[in-house]
Amino acid sequence: MSDQHEQWDIVSSIGFTALLVAAGRAVEGHQDRPLVDDPWAARFVAAAEPPSTVPVRPDQTWELSDPAPGVQDEVDAFWTMMTSYQGVRSRFFDTVLDRAVADGVHQVVLLAAGLDARALRLVWGPSVTVFEIDQSGVMEFKDEVVDAHDGRPTCDRRVVGVDLRDDWAAALRASGHDPSKPTAWLAEGLLPFLPADAQEQLLRTIDQLSAPGSVIAAEHFADAIGMLGHHRGMAALTAPFGVDPAVLASPEERTPAARRLDELGWDVATRHSPDVARGYGRELGPMPDGTEFSSDLVTATKG
């Protein structure tokens, strides 16, 4: 996301990651004991008409054209890890947002919402306003699918079609966000793709727009995203879409979100995703070097 004027659709660049995440949720929904039930995920994948088949069930695999020896196994291993992580992450953040709403937070902001379907699948009621922020093209695609399937939000859903590199705070206020009232913020799968200065500005803006009692949920990756960018399996999986995973995430050094939020006065809690997974009875797969895939799932409350 370092190019200020770069745009993308749902099957290219950063947009393709949203499609992968949706596919991962779809696969998770067909597990024996699913951590998330998202019937919209497979609909989004189908509507995108990807140039190569994207699996949406556990019994489906990525079909590669003449892969090098061993690459299919690496693709399968990557996809198993990816779908497991999507289930764990989605369930964890669902719980964070559900608790915030139960505690009386009636504004939810989904940053870089992509194909997030929480406004359609989590039962929050009309008193809760969900603001979905992302590029207009992505949101238009999403709305077309929702309308085609007669989707009905479970809350007051508001689409904010703006790039996070532009003045998204003004667009959010224009859509009815009230910074004098608590907000639950979600930055799911976002921070690794931001340059360091953009992450810093994002967190500062969130702090400025947050009343006491506000909650934020995000994730921090150390080396995991960079290593995956050079994973043969991931590279083979994304090649038919013209996406180079090695250049998607920002390599810049940055202050971890948990530390920055603590410095801004938030009460921060961090959990390692493998520990969260084991709490759900799951295991995350290994990285190419044999180590366990890991991220920090960060939650913070403004006092």
Protein backbone atom coordinates (compact mmCIF):
# COMPACT_ATOMS: atom_id res chain seq x y z
CA MET A 1 0.00 0.00 0.00
CA SER A 2 2.96 2.30 -0.43
CA ASP A 3 1.73 3.74 -3.76
CA GLN A 4 -0.60 6.60 -2.87
CA HIS A 5 -2.55 6.34 -6.12
CA GLU A 6 -2.64 2.58 -6.56
CA GLN A 7 -6.10 1.12 -7.01
CA TRP A 8 -7.11 -2.52 -7.11
CA ASP A 9 -10.06 -4.80 -7.67
CA ILE A 10 -10.97 -7.94 -5.81
CA VAL A 11 -8.76 -10.27 -7.88
CA SER A 12 -5.59 -8.18 -7.93
CA SER A 13 -3.01 -6.73 -5.54
CA ILE A 14 -4.27 -6.15 -1.99
CA GLY A 15 -7.81 -6.92 -3.16
CA PHE A 16 -6.76 -10.49 -3.84
CA THR A 17 -5.86 -10.94 -0.17
CA ALA A 18 -9.48 -10.12 0.70
CA LEU A 19 -10.59 -12.88 -1.66
CA LEU A 20 -8.17 -15.34 -0.04
CA VAL A 21 -9.42 -14.40 3.42
CA ALA A 22 -13.03 -14.93 2.33
CA ALA A 23 -12.14 -18.30 0.84
CA GLY A 24 -10.44 -19.25 4.10
CA ARG A 25 -13.60 -18.41 6.05
CA ALA A 26 -15.66 -20.44 3.60
CA VAL A 27 -13.41 -23.47 4.12
CA GLU A 28 -13.57 -23.03 7.90
CA GLY A 29 -17.36 -23.01 7.76
CA HIS A 30 -17.31 -26.57 6.38
CA GLN A 31 -15.10 -28.01 9.12
CA ASP A 32 -16.63 -30.51 11.55
CA ARG A 33 -16.63 -27.94 14.36
CA PRO A 34 -16.33 -24.58 12.58
CA LEU A 35 -15.03 -21.56 14.45
CA VAL A 36 -16.92 -19.23 12.13
CA ASP A 37 -20.04 -19.59 10.00
CA ASP A 38 -19.91 -17.15 7.09
CA PRO A 39 -22.29 -18.13 4.26
CA TRP A 40 -21.32 -14.95 2.40
CA ALA A 41 -17.70 -15.95 1.97
CA ALA A 42 -18.26 -18.50 -0.82
CA ARG A 43 -20.71 -16.13 -2.52
CA PHE A 44 -18.08 -13.42 -2.70
CA VAL A 45 -15.53 -15.83 -4.15
CA ALA A 46 -17.95 -17.10 -6.80
CA ALA A 47 -19.04 -13.59 -7.79
CA ALA A 48 -15.42 -12.49 -8.24
CA GLU A 49 -15.04 -15.01 -11.08
CA PRO A 50 -11.34 -15.56 -10.34
CA PRO A 51 -9.14 -16.66 -13.27
CA SER A 52 -8.22 -19.81 -11.37
CA THR A 53 -10.36 -21.96 -9.10
CA VAL A 54 -10.30 -20.81 -5.47
CA PRO A 55 -11.18 -23.59 -2.98
CA VAL A 56 -14.08 -22.89 -0.62
CA ARG A 57 -14.39 -26.35 0.98
CA PRO A 58 -11.90 -28.54 2.87
CA ASP A 59 -12.07 -31.26 0.20
CA GLN A 60 -11.05 -28.84 -2.57
CA THR A 61 -7.45 -28.06 -3.52
CA TRP A 62 -5.66 -25.47 -5.58
CA GLU A 63 -5.22 -26.70 -9.15
CA LEU A 64 -1.76 -25.77 -10.39
CA SER A 65 -0.62 -25.89 -13.99
CA ASP A 66 2.46 -28.12 -14.26
CA PRO A 67 3.91 -27.40 -10.80
CA ALA A 68 7.55 -28.12 -10.01
CA PRO A 69 8.21 -31.20 -7.86
CA GLY A 70 7.02 -30.67 -4.31
CA VAL A 71 5.25 -27.38 -4.98
CA GLN A 72 1.73 -28.83 -4.83
CA ASP A 73 2.50 -30.18 -1.35
CA GLU A 74 3.77 -26.75 -0.30
CA VAL A 75 0.63 -25.09 -1.66
CA ASP A 76 -1.56 -27.55 0.22
CA ALA A 77 0.42 -26.98 3.43
CA PHE A 78 0.20 -23.20 3.06
CA TRP A 79 -3.55 -23.33 2.40
CA THR A 80 -4.19 -25.57 5.41
CA MET A 81 -2.29 -23.13 7.62
CA MET A 82 -4.01 -20.14 6.03
CA THR A 83 -7.54 -21.47 6.49
CA SER A 84 -6.81 -22.53 10.08
CA TYR A 85 -5.53 -19.06 10.88
CA GLN A 86 -8.56 -17.39 9.30
CA GLY A 87 -10.87 -19.46 11.47
CA VAL A 88 -8.94 -18.67 14.65
CA ARG A 89 -8.56 -14.98 13.89
CA SER A 90 -12.19 -14.52 12.84
CA ARG A 91 -13.51 -16.25 15.95
CA PHE A 92 -11.22 -14.22 18.23
CA PHE A 93 -12.22 -10.88 16.71
CA ASP A 94 -15.90 -11.89 16.60
CA THR A 95 -15.72 -12.45 20.35
CA VAL A 96 -13.99 -9.11 20.97
CA LEU A 97 -16.64 -7.21 19.02
CA ASP A 98 -19.54 -9.19 20.53
CA ARG A 99 -18.29 -8.34 24.02
CA ALA A 100 -17.91 -4.67 23.15
CA VAL A 101 -21.47 -4.51 21.85
CA ALA A 102 -22.75 -6.39 24.91
CA ASP A 103 -20.94 -3.82 27.08
CA GLY A 104 -22.83 -0.98 25.41
CA VAL A 105 -20.62 0.06 22.50
CA HIS A 106 -22.97 0.90 19.63
CA GLN A 107 -20.49 1.99 16.94
CA VAL A 108 -18.29 -0.53 15.13
CA VAL A 109 -15.75 0.56 12.52
CA LEU A 110 -14.27 -2.06 10.19
CA LEU A 111 -11.06 -0.61 8.72
CA ALA A 112 -10.21 -1.92 5.24
CA ALA A 113 -13.39 -3.97 5.55
CA GLY A 114 -12.92 -5.83 2.28
CA LEU A 115 -15.28 -8.82 2.20
CA ASP A 116 -15.99 -8.78 5.93
CA ALA A 117 -19.58 -9.95 6.48
CA ARG A 118 -19.96 -9.29 10.21
CA ALA A 119 -22.76 -6.78 9.62
CA LEU A 120 -24.65 -9.62 7.94
CA ARG A 121 -23.76 -12.60 10.11
CA LEU A 122 -23.38 -11.30 13.70
CA VAL A 123 -26.67 -10.46 15.41
CA TRP A 124 -26.15 -7.02 16.91
CA GLY A 125 -29.50 -5.32 16.30
CA PRO A 126 -30.54 -1.97 14.78
CA SER A 127 -29.12 0.09 17.67
CA VAL A 128 -25.58 -0.84 16.54
CA THR A 129 -24.10 1.09 13.61
CA VAL A 130 -21.39 -0.67 11.62
CA PHE A 131 -19.20 1.51 9.41
CA GLU A 132 -17.36 -0.41 6.69
CA ILE A 133 -14.39 1.52 5.29
CA ASP A 134 -12.65 0.49 2.08
CA GLN A 135 -12.04 1.59 -1.49
CA SER A 136 -15.23 2.34 -3.40
CA GLY A 137 -14.62 -0.36 -6.00
CA VAL A 138 -14.30 -3.08 -3.38
CA MET A 139 -17.42 -1.91 -1.54
CA GLU A 140 -19.42 -1.67 -4.76
CA PHE A 141 -18.52 -5.28 -5.62
CA LYS A 142 -19.52 -6.36 -2.13
CA ASP A 143 -22.85 -4.52 -2.25
CA GLU A 144 -23.67 -6.06 -5.62
CA VAL A 145 -23.25 -9.54 -4.16
CA VAL A 146 -25.24 -8.69 -1.04
CA ASP A 147 -28.07 -7.24 -3.13
CA ALA A 148 -28.04 -10.20 -5.53
CA HIS A 149 -28.63 -12.54 -2.59
CA ASP A 150 -31.16 -10.27 -0.89
CA GLY A 151 -28.86 -9.72 2.07
CA ARG A 152 -30.24 -8.04 5.15
CA PRO A 153 -27.83 -6.55 7.68
CA THR A 154 -28.48 -7.38 11.32
CA CYS A 155 -27.56 -3.80 12.27
CA ASP A 156 -27.39 -0.29 10.83
CA ARG A 157 -24.75 -0.94 8.16
CA ARG A 158 -23.09 2.07 6.53
CA VAL A 159 -20.61 1.86 3.68
CA VAL A 160 -17.79 4.42 3.70
CA GLY A 161 -16.15 4.23 0.28
CA VAL A 162 -12.80 5.87 0.91
CA ASP A 163 -9.15 4.88 0.71
CA LEU A 164 -7.42 4.80 4.09
CA ARG A 165 -4.62 6.85 2.53
CA ASP A 166 -7.10 9.71 2.02
CA ASP A 167 -9.05 11.68 4.65
CA TRP A 168 -11.05 8.70 5.85
CA ALA A 169 -11.77 10.33 9.21
CA ALA A 170 -13.78 13.09 7.51
CA ALA A 171 -15.64 10.52 5.42
CA LEU A 172 -16.40 8.52 8.56
CA ARG A 173 -17.79 11.58 10.35
CA ALA A 174 -19.88 12.43 7.28
CA SER A 175 -21.38 8.94 7.48
CA GLY A 176 -22.58 9.59 11.02
CA HIS A 177 -19.79 8.43 13.30
CA ASP A 178 -19.91 10.19 16.67
CA PRO A 179 -16.43 10.47 18.27
CA SER A 180 -18.01 11.50 21.58
CA LYS A 181 -19.38 7.97 22.00
CA PRO A 182 -17.38 4.73 22.38
CA THR A 183 -16.37 2.86 19.24
CA ALA A 184 -15.17 -0.68 18.59
CA TRP A 185 -12.44 -0.56 15.94
CA LEU A 186 -11.25 -3.56 13.95
CA ALA A 187 -8.03 -3.60 11.91
CA GLU A 188 -8.09 -7.21 10.76
CA GLY A 189 -5.36 -8.16 8.28
CA LEU A 190 -4.51 -4.49 7.72
CA LEU A 191 -1.42 -3.32 9.58
CA PRO A 192 1.18 -5.53 7.82
CA PHE A 193 0.28 -3.90 4.51
CA LEU A 194 0.70 -0.32 5.72
CA PRO A 195 3.98 1.60 5.60
CA ALA A 196 5.26 2.40 9.08
CA ASP A 197 4.23 6.07 8.95
CA ALA A 198 0.75 5.13 7.73
CA GLN A 199 0.30 2.72 10.64
CA GLU A 200 1.42 5.43 13.04
CA GLN A 201 -1.03 7.93 11.57
CA LEU A 202 -3.85 5.38 11.60
CA LEU A 203 -3.41 4.61 15.30
CA ARG A 204 -3.17 8.30 16.18
CA THR A 205 -6.36 9.05 14.23
CA ILE A 206 -8.19 6.19 15.91
CA ASP A 207 -7.10 7.55 19.28
CA GLN A 208 -8.37 11.03 18.39
CA LEU A 209 -11.75 9.63 17.29
CA SER A 210 -12.20 7.38 20.34
CA ALA A 211 -14.18 8.26 23.44
CA PRO A 212 -13.42 6.52 26.76
CA GLY A 213 -14.70 2.95 26.66
CA SER A 214 -13.67 2.48 23.03
CA VAL A 215 -12.06 -0.81 22.00
CA ILE A 216 -9.61 -1.67 19.24
CA ALA A 217 -8.66 -5.10 17.92
CA ALA A 218 -5.74 -5.64 15.56
CA GLU A 219 -2.89 -8.03 14.88
CA HIS A 220 0.86 -7.71 14.72
CA PHE A 221 3.21 -9.91 12.73
CA ALA A 222 6.92 -10.01 13.39
CA ASP A 223 8.62 -11.99 10.63
CA ALA A 224 5.74 -14.27 9.66
CA ILE A 225 4.31 -12.14 6.84
CA GLY A 226 7.74 -11.50 5.33
CA MET A 227 8.57 -15.20 5.41
CA LEU A 228 5.26 -16.11 3.79
CA GLY A 229 6.04 -13.63 1.02
CA HIS A 230 8.90 -15.92 0.00
CA HIS A 231 7.00 -19.18 0.56
CA ARG A 232 7.05 -21.28 -2.65
CA GLY A 233 3.56 -22.51 -1.94
CA MET A 234 2.10 -19.04 -1.57
CA ALA A 235 3.94 -17.81 -4.67
CA ALA A 236 2.59 -20.70 -6.75
CA LEU A 237 -0.93 -20.11 -5.44
CA THR A 238 -0.96 -16.40 -6.27
CA ALA A 239 0.88 -16.56 -9.62
CA PRO A 240 -2.28 -17.20 -11.75
CA PHE A 241 -3.67 -13.95 -10.36
CA GLY A 242 -0.60 -11.92 -11.27
CA VAL A 243 0.14 -11.23 -7.61
CA ASP A 244 3.66 -11.28 -6.16
CA PRO A 245 3.30 -12.00 -2.43
CA ALA A 246 6.84 -10.78 -1.77
CA VAL A 247 5.81 -7.16 -2.41
CA LEU A 248 2.37 -7.07 -0.78
CA ALA A 249 3.40 -6.41 2.81
CA SER A 250 5.47 -3.43 3.89
CA PRO A 251 8.98 -4.42 5.05
CA GLU A 252 9.51 -1.25 7.07
CA GLU A 253 10.46 -1.41 10.74
CA ARG A 254 7.67 -0.11 12.94
CA THR A 255 6.59 0.30 16.53
CA PRO A 256 4.30 -2.65 17.35
CA ALA A 257 0.66 -1.60 17.62
CA ALA A 258 0.43 -2.86 21.20
CA ARG A 259 3.31 -0.66 22.33
CA ARG A 260 2.01 2.38 20.45
CA LEU A 261 -1.49 2.03 21.91
CA ASP A 262 -0.01 1.66 25.39
CA GLU A 263 1.94 4.88 24.84
CA LEU A 264 -1.31 6.57 23.81
CA GLY A 265 -2.88 5.56 27.12
CA TRP A 266 -4.90 2.50 26.13
CA ASP A 267 -5.14 -0.61 28.33
CA VAL A 268 -3.59 -3.26 26.08
CA ALA A 269 -3.75 -7.06 26.09
CA THR A 270 -1.85 -9.29 23.68
CA ARG A 271 -2.33 -12.98 22.95
CA HIS A 272 -0.23 -15.18 20.67
CA SER A 273 -2.35 -16.74 17.93
CA PRO A 274 -0.99 -20.30 18.49
CA ASP A 275 -2.17 -20.08 22.12
CA VAL A 276 -5.57 -18.82 21.00
CA ALA A 277 -5.75 -21.64 18.45
CA ARG A 278 -4.99 -24.29 21.06
CA GLY A 279 -7.74 -22.81 23.23
CA TYR A 280 -10.11 -23.56 20.36
CA GLY A 281 -8.71 -27.07 19.96
CA ARG A 282 -6.75 -26.15 16.83
CA GLU A 283 -3.12 -26.06 15.72
CA LEU A 284 -1.61 -23.62 13.25
CA GLY A 285 0.67 -25.15 10.65
CA PRO A 286 4.43 -24.64 10.41
CA MET A 287 6.31 -21.93 8.54
CA PRO A 288 8.75 -22.86 5.75
CA ASP A 289 11.58 -23.00 8.31
CA GLY A 290 9.60 -25.41 10.48
CA THR A 291 8.64 -22.87 13.14
CA GLU A 292 5.02 -22.33 14.09
CA PHE A 293 3.12 -19.59 12.26
CA SER A 294 2.40 -16.87 14.78
CA SER A 295 0.94 -13.41 15.17
CA ASP A 296 -0.01 -11.27 18.14
CA LEU A 297 -3.74 -10.65 18.49
CA VAL A 298 -4.00 -7.27 20.15
CA THR A 299 -6.96 -5.79 22.00
CA ALA A 300 -7.00 -2.45 23.77
CA THR A 301 -9.53 -0.37 25.71
CA LYS A 302 -9.41 3.38 26.13
CA GLY A 303 -9.81 4.46 29.73
